[in-house]
Amino acid sequence: MPQNEQGPTAEDGSVPPDLVRGLPLALKWGLSDDVARTEQVDQASTDELNELLEQTSTLNLQNLGRWLTGPETDSESPSDNYVAFSALWMAA
């Protein structure tokens, strides 16, 4: 689960503008706990997994990669959005 009780939001400005539309995916699949995320993926139906891959592939993957490998990579307290999108990428 993301770091704070509210979880990821678009309002904090931490998500690059062209990736904001991926926030619902990050909220659903972006579990920071490796075990919980693995269980979620393992228990997902084929249709859910296909939807995850399809929707993830519509994001600007080049910008997602730049963001996830950018300065926040070394942060001791990355934003909830950064954590959720990182976990989303691992789930996909």
PDB file of N, CA and C in Angstrom:
ATOM      1  N   MET A   1       0.838  -1.179   0.000  1.00  0.00           N
ATOM      2  CA  MET A   1       0.000   0.000   0.000  1.00  0.00           C
ATOM      3  C   MET A   1       0.882   1.240   0.000  1.00  0.00           C
ATOM      4  N   PRO A   2       0.471   2.290  -0.677  1.00  0.00           N
ATOM      5  CA  PRO A   2       1.245   3.515  -0.656  1.00  0.00           C
ATOM      6  C   PRO A   2       1.467   4.011   0.757  1.00  0.00           C
ATOM      7  N   GLN A   3       2.394   4.951   0.880  1.00  0.00           N
ATOM      8  CA  GLN A   3       2.888   5.353   2.177  1.00  0.00           C
ATOM      9  C   GLN A   3       1.890   6.067   3.074  1.00  0.00           C
ATOM     10  N   ASN A   4       1.010   6.882   2.540  1.00  0.00           N
ATOM     11  CA  ASN A   4       0.105   7.581   3.439  1.00  0.00           C
ATOM     12  C   ASN A   4      -1.293   6.993   3.363  1.00  0.00           C
ATOM     13  N   GLU A   5      -2.160   7.419   4.249  1.00  0.00           N
ATOM     14  CA  GLU A   5      -3.496   6.834   4.323  1.00  0.00           C
ATOM     15  C   GLU A   5      -4.338   7.152   3.100  1.00  0.00           C
ATOM     16  N   GLN A   6      -4.080   8.285   2.462  1.00  0.00           N
ATOM     17  CA  GLN A   6      -4.881   8.686   1.312  1.00  0.00           C
ATOM     18  C   GLN A   6      -4.443   7.976   0.043  1.00  0.00           C
ATOM     19  N   GLY A   7      -3.196   7.588  -0.029  1.00  0.00           N
ATOM     20  CA  GLY A   7      -2.679   6.956  -1.225  1.00  0.00           C
ATOM     21  C   GLY A   7      -2.382   7.969  -2.309  1.00  0.00           C
ATOM     22  N   PRO A   8      -2.087   7.498  -3.507  1.00  0.00           N
ATOM     23  CA  PRO A   8      -1.717   8.379  -4.600  1.00  0.00           C
ATOM     24  C   PRO A   8      -2.873   9.279  -5.021  1.00  0.00           C
ATOM     25  N   THR A   9      -2.541  10.499  -5.405  1.00  0.00           N
ATOM     26  CA  THR A   9      -3.526  11.431  -5.947  1.00  0.00           C
ATOM     27  C   THR A   9      -2.872  12.227  -7.059  1.00  0.00           C
ATOM     28  N   ALA A  10      -3.680  12.764  -7.948  1.00  0.00           N
ATOM     29  CA  ALA A  10      -3.159  13.605  -9.025  1.00  0.00           C
ATOM     30  C   ALA A  10      -2.870  15.007  -8.516  1.00  0.00           C
ATOM     31  N   GLU A  11      -3.492  15.387  -7.431  1.00  0.00           N
ATOM     32  CA  GLU A  11      -3.402  16.758  -6.946  1.00  0.00           C
ATOM     33  C   GLU A  11      -2.029  17.138  -6.412  1.00  0.00           C
ATOM     34  N   ASP A  12      -1.219  16.197  -6.001  1.00  0.00           N
ATOM     35  CA  ASP A  12       0.055  16.584  -5.390  1.00  0.00           C
ATOM     36  C   ASP A  12       1.105  17.007  -6.424  1.00  0.00           C
ATOM     37  N   GLY A  13       0.817  16.828  -7.702  1.00  0.00           N
ATOM     38  CA  GLY A  13       1.711  17.291  -8.751  1.00  0.00           C
ATOM     39  C   GLY A  13       2.953  16.447  -8.961  1.00  0.00           C
ATOM     40  N   SER A  14       3.042  15.313  -8.311  1.00  0.00           N
ATOM     41  CA  SER A  14       4.251  14.502  -8.432  1.00  0.00           C
ATOM     42  C   SER A  14       4.269  13.620  -9.675  1.00  0.00           C
ATOM     43  N   VAL A  15       3.124  13.439 -10.315  1.00  0.00           N
ATOM     44  CA  VAL A  15       3.052  12.591 -11.506  1.00  0.00           C
ATOM     45  C   VAL A  15       3.251  13.459 -12.744  1.00  0.00           C
ATOM     46  N   PRO A  16       4.140  13.052 -13.645  1.00  0.00           N
ATOM     47  CA  PRO A  16       4.268  13.801 -14.893  1.00  0.00           C
ATOM     48  C   PRO A  16       2.901  13.909 -15.578  1.00  0.00           C
ATOM     49  N   PRO A  17       2.586  15.072 -16.127  1.00  0.00           N
ATOM     50  CA  PRO A  17       1.239  15.308 -16.671  1.00  0.00           C
ATOM     51  C   PRO A  17       0.742  14.242 -17.642  1.00  0.00           C
ATOM     52  N   ASP A  18       1.616  13.729 -18.497  1.00  0.00           N
ATOM     53  CA  ASP A  18       1.154  12.742 -19.477  1.00  0.00           C
ATOM     54  C   ASP A  18       0.961  11.352 -18.880  1.00  0.00           C
ATOM     55  N   LEU A  19       1.271  11.176 -17.590  1.00  0.00           N
ATOM     56  CA  LEU A  19       1.067   9.884 -16.931  1.00  0.00           C
ATOM     57  C   LEU A  19      -0.092   9.901 -15.941  1.00  0.00           C
ATOM     58  N   VAL A  20      -0.680  11.069 -15.712  1.00  0.00           N
ATOM     59  CA  VAL A  20      -1.771  11.186 -14.729  1.00  0.00           C
ATOM     60  C   VAL A  20      -2.911  10.230 -15.061  1.00  0.00           C
ATOM     61  N   ARG A  21      -3.193  10.026 -16.323  1.00  0.00           N
ATOM     62  CA  ARG A  21      -4.302   9.127 -16.684  1.00  0.00           C
ATOM     63  C   ARG A  21      -4.039   7.680 -16.264  1.00  0.00           C
ATOM     64  N   GLY A  22      -2.800   7.354 -15.935  1.00  0.00           N
ATOM     65  CA  GLY A  22      -2.469   6.016 -15.444  1.00  0.00           C
ATOM     66  C   GLY A  22      -2.687   5.856 -13.956  1.00  0.00           C
ATOM     67  N   LEU A  23      -3.108   6.922 -13.287  1.00  0.00           N
ATOM     68  CA  LEU A  23      -3.296   6.868 -11.846  1.00  0.00           C
ATOM     69  C   LEU A  23      -4.296   5.799 -11.402  1.00  0.00           C
ATOM     70  N   PRO A  24      -5.436   5.621 -12.088  1.00  0.00           N
ATOM     71  CA  PRO A  24      -6.340   4.535 -11.677  1.00  0.00           C
ATOM     72  C   PRO A  24      -5.669   3.158 -11.710  1.00  0.00           C
ATOM     73  N   LEU A  25      -4.816   2.934 -12.695  1.00  0.00           N
ATOM     74  CA  LEU A  25      -4.066   1.673 -12.754  1.00  0.00           C
ATOM     75  C   LEU A  25      -3.127   1.545 -11.567  1.00  0.00           C
ATOM     76  N   ALA A  26      -2.444   2.641 -11.255  1.00  0.00           N
ATOM     77  CA  ALA A  26      -1.508   2.625 -10.132  1.00  0.00           C
ATOM     78  C   ALA A  26      -2.245   2.396  -8.817  1.00  0.00           C
ATOM     79  N   LEU A  27      -3.432   2.957  -8.694  1.00  0.00           N
ATOM     80  CA  LEU A  27      -4.223   2.746  -7.479  1.00  0.00           C
ATOM     81  C   LEU A  27      -4.640   1.286  -7.335  1.00  0.00           C
ATOM     82  N   LYS A  28      -4.966   0.657  -8.461  1.00  0.00           N
ATOM     83  CA  LYS A  28      -5.441  -0.733  -8.418  1.00  0.00           C
ATOM     84  C   LYS A  28      -4.290  -1.733  -8.296  1.00  0.00           C
ATOM     85  N   TRP A  29      -3.238  -1.550  -9.078  1.00  0.00           N
ATOM     86  CA  TRP A  29      -2.186  -2.552  -9.190  1.00  0.00           C
ATOM     87  C   TRP A  29      -0.891  -2.173  -8.505  1.00  0.00           C
ATOM     88  N   GLY A  30      -0.764  -0.931  -8.073  1.00  0.00           N
ATOM     89  CA  GLY A  30       0.491  -0.434  -7.544  1.00  0.00           C
ATOM     90  C   GLY A  30       0.693  -0.705  -6.064  1.00  0.00           C
ATOM     91  N   LEU A  31       0.598  -1.948  -5.676  1.00  0.00           N
ATOM     92  CA  LEU A  31       0.809  -2.317  -4.277  1.00  0.00           C
ATOM     93  C   LEU A  31       2.301  -2.383  -3.993  1.00  0.00           C
ATOM     94  N   SER A  32       2.739  -1.629  -2.989  1.00  0.00           N
ATOM     95  CA  SER A  32       4.174  -1.588  -2.710  1.00  0.00           C
ATOM     96  C   SER A  32       4.685  -2.850  -2.023  1.00  0.00           C
ATOM     97  N   ASP A  33       3.800  -3.596  -1.383  1.00  0.00           N
ATOM     98  CA  ASP A  33       4.194  -4.847  -0.729  1.00  0.00           C
ATOM     99  C   ASP A  33       4.351  -5.925  -1.801  1.00  0.00           C
ATOM    100  N   ASP A  34       5.574  -6.457  -1.930  1.00  0.00           N
ATOM    101  CA  ASP A  34       5.848  -7.450  -2.977  1.00  0.00           C
ATOM    102  C   ASP A  34       4.953  -8.673  -2.891  1.00  0.00           C
ATOM    103  N   VAL A  35       4.722  -9.162  -1.690  1.00  0.00           N
ATOM    104  CA  VAL A  35       3.901 -10.365  -1.513  1.00  0.00           C
ATOM    105  C   VAL A  35       2.458 -10.077  -1.912  1.00  0.00           C
ATOM    106  N   ALA A  36       1.917  -8.968  -1.443  1.00  0.00           N
ATOM    107  CA  ALA A  36       0.531  -8.612  -1.771  1.00  0.00           C
ATOM    108  C   ALA A  36       0.368  -8.391  -3.271  1.00  0.00           C
ATOM    109  N   ARG A  37       1.349  -7.725  -3.907  1.00  0.00           N
ATOM    110  CA  ARG A  37       1.268  -7.479  -5.342  1.00  0.00           C
ATOM    111  C   ARG A  37       1.334  -8.799  -6.107  1.00  0.00           C
ATOM    112  N   THR A  38       2.228  -9.684  -5.705  1.00  0.00           N
ATOM    113  CA  THR A  38       2.344 -10.985  -6.373  1.00  0.00           C
ATOM    114  C   THR A  38       1.056 -11.776  -6.235  1.00  0.00           C
ATOM    115  N   GLU A  39       0.475 -11.763  -5.046  1.00  0.00           N
ATOM    116  CA  GLU A  39      -0.802 -12.458  -4.839  1.00  0.00           C
ATOM    117  C   GLU A  39      -1.901 -11.854  -5.708  1.00  0.00           C
ATOM    118  N   GLN A  40      -1.930 -10.536  -5.795  1.00  0.00           N
ATOM    119  CA  GLN A  40      -2.949  -9.877  -6.612  1.00  0.00           C
ATOM    120  C   GLN A  40      -2.818 -10.303  -8.073  1.00  0.00           C
ATOM    121  N   VAL A  41      -1.600 -10.313  -8.578  1.00  0.00           N
ATOM    122  CA  VAL A  41      -1.374 -10.717  -9.966  1.00  0.00           C
ATOM    123  C   VAL A  41      -1.712 -12.195 -10.147  1.00  0.00           C
ATOM    124  N   ASP A  42      -1.271 -13.028  -9.216  1.00  0.00           N
ATOM    125  CA  ASP A  42      -1.546 -14.470  -9.311  1.00  0.00           C
ATOM    126  C   ASP A  42      -3.041 -14.785  -9.283  1.00  0.00           C
ATOM    127  N   GLN A  43      -3.799 -13.990  -8.551  1.00  0.00           N
ATOM    128  CA  GLN A  43      -5.233 -14.242  -8.401  1.00  0.00           C
ATOM    129  C   GLN A  43      -6.083 -13.543  -9.463  1.00  0.00           C
ATOM    130  N   ALA A  44      -5.477 -12.714 -10.258  1.00  0.00           N
ATOM    131  CA  ALA A  44      -6.215 -11.983 -11.281  1.00  0.00           C
ATOM    132  C   ALA A  44      -6.631 -12.922 -12.411  1.00  0.00           C
ATOM    133  N   SER A  45      -7.761 -12.615 -12.993  1.00  0.00           N
ATOM    134  CA  SER A  45      -8.223 -13.400 -14.138  1.00  0.00           C
ATOM    135  C   SER A  45      -7.394 -13.046 -15.370  1.00  0.00           C
ATOM    136  N   THR A  46      -7.484 -13.869 -16.367  1.00  0.00           N
ATOM    137  CA  THR A  46      -6.790 -13.602 -17.627  1.00  0.00           C
ATOM    138  C   THR A  46      -7.250 -12.277 -18.210  1.00  0.00           C
ATOM    139  N   ASP A  47      -8.555 -12.013 -18.141  1.00  0.00           N
ATOM    140  CA  ASP A  47      -9.077 -10.743 -18.656  1.00  0.00           C
ATOM    141  C   ASP A  47      -8.495  -9.552 -17.896  1.00  0.00           C
ATOM    142  N   GLU A  48      -8.390  -9.666 -16.576  1.00  0.00           N
ATOM    143  CA  GLU A  48      -7.816  -8.575 -15.775  1.00  0.00           C
ATOM    144  C   GLU A  48      -6.355  -8.343 -16.136  1.00  0.00           C
ATOM    145  N   LEU A  49      -5.615  -9.416 -16.318  1.00  0.00           N
ATOM    146  CA  LEU A  49      -4.198  -9.279 -16.669  1.00  0.00           C
ATOM    147  C   LEU A  49      -4.035  -8.693 -18.068  1.00  0.00           C
ATOM    148  N   ASN A  50      -4.870  -9.119 -18.995  1.00  0.00           N
ATOM    149  CA  ASN A  50      -4.825  -8.549 -20.344  1.00  0.00           C
ATOM    150  C   ASN A  50      -5.143  -7.060 -20.313  1.00  0.00           C
ATOM    151  N   GLU A  51      -6.124  -6.680 -19.498  1.00  0.00           N
ATOM    152  CA  GLU A  51      -6.479  -5.270 -19.352  1.00  0.00           C
ATOM    153  C   GLU A  51      -5.315  -4.480 -18.746  1.00  0.00           C
ATOM    154  N   LEU A  52      -4.664  -5.053 -17.736  1.00  0.00           N
ATOM    155  CA  LEU A  52      -3.506  -4.408 -17.122  1.00  0.00           C
ATOM    156  C   LEU A  52      -2.427  -4.143 -18.171  1.00  0.00           C
ATOM    157  N   LEU A  53      -2.095  -5.153 -18.943  1.00  0.00           N
ATOM    158  CA  LEU A  53      -1.053  -4.999 -19.961  1.00  0.00           C
ATOM    159  C   LEU A  53      -1.463  -4.018 -21.046  1.00  0.00           C
ATOM    160  N   GLU A  54      -2.717  -4.112 -21.466  1.00  0.00           N
ATOM    161  CA  GLU A  54      -3.212  -3.215 -22.516  1.00  0.00           C
ATOM    162  C   GLU A  54      -3.192  -1.760 -22.045  1.00  0.00           C
ATOM    163  N   GLN A  55      -3.708  -1.508 -20.857  1.00  0.00           N
ATOM    164  CA  GLN A  55      -3.767  -0.139 -20.357  1.00  0.00           C
ATOM    165  C   GLN A  55      -2.377   0.403 -20.032  1.00  0.00           C
ATOM    166  N   THR A  56      -1.510  -0.436 -19.511  1.00  0.00           N
ATOM    167  CA  THR A  56      -0.148   0.008 -19.213  1.00  0.00           C
ATOM    168  C   THR A  56       0.575   0.372 -20.504  1.00  0.00           C
ATOM    169  N   SER A  57       0.341  -0.388 -21.549  1.00  0.00           N
ATOM    170  CA  SER A  57       1.032  -0.132 -22.816  1.00  0.00           C
ATOM    171  C   SER A  57       0.583   1.167 -23.472  1.00  0.00           C
ATOM    172  N   THR A  58      -0.549   1.721 -23.056  1.00  0.00           N
ATOM    173  CA  THR A  58      -1.007   2.987 -23.636  1.00  0.00           C
ATOM    174  C   THR A  58      -0.365   4.196 -22.946  1.00  0.00           C
ATOM    175  N   LEU A  59       0.318   3.969 -21.833  1.00  0.00           N
ATOM    176  CA  LEU A  59       1.013   5.066 -21.161  1.00  0.00           C
ATOM    177  C   LEU A  59       2.261   5.423 -21.949  1.00  0.00           C
ATOM    178  N   ASN A  60       2.750   6.618 -21.766  1.00  0.00           N
ATOM    179  CA  ASN A  60       4.004   7.012 -22.391  1.00  0.00           C
ATOM    180  C   ASN A  60       5.123   6.315 -21.628  1.00  0.00           C
ATOM    181  N   LEU A  61       5.506   5.145 -22.099  1.00  0.00           N
ATOM    182  CA  LEU A  61       6.463   4.312 -21.378  1.00  0.00           C
ATOM    183  C   LEU A  61       7.851   4.948 -21.313  1.00  0.00           C
ATOM    184  N   GLN A  62       8.183   5.750 -22.305  1.00  0.00           N
ATOM    185  CA  GLN A  62       9.474   6.429 -22.280  1.00  0.00           C
ATOM    186  C   GLN A  62       9.507   7.432 -21.118  1.00  0.00           C
ATOM    187  N   ASN A  63       8.443   8.214 -20.960  1.00  0.00           N
ATOM    188  CA  ASN A  63       8.389   9.165 -19.854  1.00  0.00           C
ATOM    189  C   ASN A  63       8.264   8.455 -18.514  1.00  0.00           C
ATOM    190  N   LEU A  64       7.523   7.358 -18.482  1.00  0.00           N
ATOM    191  CA  LEU A  64       7.418   6.579 -17.246  1.00  0.00           C
ATOM    192  C   LEU A  64       8.806   6.090 -16.831  1.00  0.00           C
ATOM    193  N   GLY A  65       9.543   5.559 -17.770  1.00  0.00           N
ATOM    194  CA  GLY A  65      10.894   5.088 -17.482  1.00  0.00           C
ATOM    195  C   GLY A  65      11.812   6.199 -17.006  1.00  0.00           C
ATOM    196  N   ARG A  66      11.724   7.353 -17.665  1.00  0.00           N
ATOM    197  CA  ARG A  66      12.550   8.496 -17.240  1.00  0.00           C
ATOM    198  C   ARG A  66      12.210   8.915 -15.813  1.00  0.00           C
ATOM    199  N   TRP A  67      10.909   8.942 -15.496  1.00  0.00           N
ATOM    200  CA  TRP A  67      10.486   9.339 -14.159  1.00  0.00           C
ATOM    201  C   TRP A  67      10.959   8.322 -13.121  1.00  0.00           C
ATOM    202  N   LEU A  68      10.740   7.040 -13.416  1.00  0.00           N
ATOM    203  CA  LEU A  68      11.079   6.000 -12.438  1.00  0.00           C
ATOM    204  C   LEU A  68      12.579   5.816 -12.258  1.00  0.00           C
ATOM    205  N   THR A  69      13.378   6.275 -13.210  1.00  0.00           N
ATOM    206  CA  THR A  69      14.833   6.173 -13.070  1.00  0.00           C
ATOM    207  C   THR A  69      15.470   7.535 -12.796  1.00  0.00           C
ATOM    208  N   GLY A  70      14.638   8.535 -12.543  1.00  0.00           N
ATOM    209  CA  GLY A  70      15.117   9.883 -12.291  1.00  0.00           C
ATOM    210  C   GLY A  70      15.547  10.095 -10.848  1.00  0.00           C
ATOM    211  N   PRO A  71      15.640  11.351 -10.442  1.00  0.00           N
ATOM    212  CA  PRO A  71      16.150  11.702  -9.112  1.00  0.00           C
ATOM    213  C   PRO A  71      15.375  11.071  -7.953  1.00  0.00           C
ATOM    214  N   GLU A  72      14.092  10.836  -8.132  1.00  0.00           N
ATOM    215  CA  GLU A  72      13.304  10.278  -7.027  1.00  0.00           C
ATOM    216  C   GLU A  72      13.719   8.844  -6.690  1.00  0.00           C
ATOM    217  N   THR A  73      14.434   8.211  -7.595  1.00  0.00           N
ATOM    218  CA  THR A  73      14.942   6.855  -7.365  1.00  0.00           C
ATOM    219  C   THR A  73      15.756   6.777  -6.080  1.00  0.00           C
ATOM    220  N   ASP A  74      16.518   7.814  -5.798  1.00  0.00           N
ATOM    221  CA  ASP A  74      17.408   7.827  -4.639  1.00  0.00           C
ATOM    222  C   ASP A  74      16.794   8.471  -3.400  1.00  0.00           C
ATOM    223  N   SER A  75      15.545   8.871  -3.503  1.00  0.00           N
ATOM    224  CA  SER A  75      14.889   9.547  -2.383  1.00  0.00           C
ATOM    225  C   SER A  75      14.627   8.588  -1.230  1.00  0.00           C
ATOM    226  N   GLU A  76      14.845   9.076  -0.017  1.00  0.00           N
ATOM    227  CA  GLU A  76      14.512   8.268   1.158  1.00  0.00           C
ATOM    228  C   GLU A  76      13.016   8.271   1.432  1.00  0.00           C
ATOM    229  N   SER A  77      12.299   9.221   0.852  1.00  0.00           N
ATOM    230  CA  SER A  77      10.844   9.271   1.027  1.00  0.00           C
ATOM    231  C   SER A  77      10.193   9.671  -0.295  1.00  0.00           C
ATOM    232  N   PRO A  78      10.174   8.727  -1.255  1.00  0.00           N
ATOM    233  CA  PRO A  78       9.554   9.033  -2.549  1.00  0.00           C
ATOM    234  C   PRO A  78       8.065   9.285  -2.375  1.00  0.00           C
ATOM    235  N   SER A  79       7.480   9.996  -3.327  1.00  0.00           N
ATOM    236  CA  SER A  79       6.045  10.281  -3.263  1.00  0.00           C
ATOM    237  C   SER A  79       5.240   8.985  -3.355  1.00  0.00           C
ATOM    238  N   ASP A  80       4.041   9.042  -2.831  1.00  0.00           N
ATOM    239  CA  ASP A  80       3.148   7.883  -2.928  1.00  0.00           C
ATOM    240  C   ASP A  80       2.918   7.512  -4.391  1.00  0.00           C
ATOM    241  N   ASN A  81       2.825   8.515  -5.233  1.00  0.00           N
ATOM    242  CA  ASN A  81       2.612   8.250  -6.655  1.00  0.00           C
ATOM    243  C   ASN A  81       3.798   7.522  -7.264  1.00  0.00           C
ATOM    244  N   TYR A  82       4.995   7.945  -6.921  1.00  0.00           N
ATOM    245  CA  TYR A  82       6.195   7.291  -7.434  1.00  0.00           C
ATOM    246  C   TYR A  82       6.209   5.813  -7.018  1.00  0.00           C
ATOM    247  N   VAL A  83       5.916   5.557  -5.759  1.00  0.00           N
ATOM    248  CA  VAL A  83       5.892   4.181  -5.250  1.00  0.00           C
ATOM    249  C   VAL A  83       4.818   3.370  -5.983  1.00  0.00           C
ATOM    250  N   ALA A  84       3.635   3.952  -6.143  1.00  0.00           N
ATOM    251  CA  ALA A  84       2.536   3.231  -6.798  1.00  0.00           C
ATOM    252  C   ALA A  84       2.851   2.930  -8.259  1.00  0.00           C
ATOM    253  N   PHE A  85       3.412   3.900  -8.984  1.00  0.00           N
ATOM    254  CA  PHE A  85       3.744   3.654 -10.388  1.00  0.00           C
ATOM    255  C   PHE A  85       4.899   2.661 -10.514  1.00  0.00           C
ATOM    256  N   SER A  86       5.842   2.705  -9.600  1.00  0.00           N
ATOM    257  CA  SER A  86       6.922   1.720  -9.600  1.00  0.00           C
ATOM    258  C   SER A  86       6.368   0.313  -9.411  1.00  0.00           C
ATOM    259  N   ALA A  87       5.456   0.178  -8.461  1.00  0.00           N
ATOM    260  CA  ALA A  87       4.851  -1.123  -8.197  1.00  0.00           C
ATOM    261  C   ALA A  87       3.954  -1.549  -9.356  1.00  0.00           C
ATOM    262  N   LEU A  88       3.263  -0.597  -9.969  1.00  0.00           N
ATOM    263  CA  LEU A  88       2.455  -0.895 -11.148  1.00  0.00           C
ATOM    264  C   LEU A  88       3.347  -1.494 -12.238  1.00  0.00           C
ATOM    265  N   TRP A  89       4.491  -0.883 -12.449  1.00  0.00           N
ATOM    266  CA  TRP A  89       5.417  -1.371 -13.474  1.00  0.00           C
ATOM    267  C   TRP A  89       5.861  -2.799 -13.161  1.00  0.00           C
ATOM    268  N   MET A  90       6.101  -3.081 -11.891  1.00  0.00           N
ATOM    269  CA  MET A  90       6.498  -4.438 -11.494  1.00  0.00           C
ATOM    270  C   MET A  90       5.339  -5.422 -11.707  1.00  0.00           C
ATOM    271  N   ALA A  91       4.114  -4.981 -11.467  1.00  0.00           N
ATOM    272  CA  ALA A  91       2.957  -5.865 -11.655  1.00  0.00           C
ATOM    273  C   ALA A  91       2.750  -6.179 -13.126  1.00  0.00           C
ATOM    274  N   ALA A  92       2.961  -5.181 -13.978  1.00  0.00           N
ATOM    275  CA  ALA A  92       2.730  -5.373 -15.420  1.00  0.00           C
ATOM    276  C   ALA A  92       3.820  -6.243 -16.000  1.00  0.00           C
TER     277      ALA A  92
END
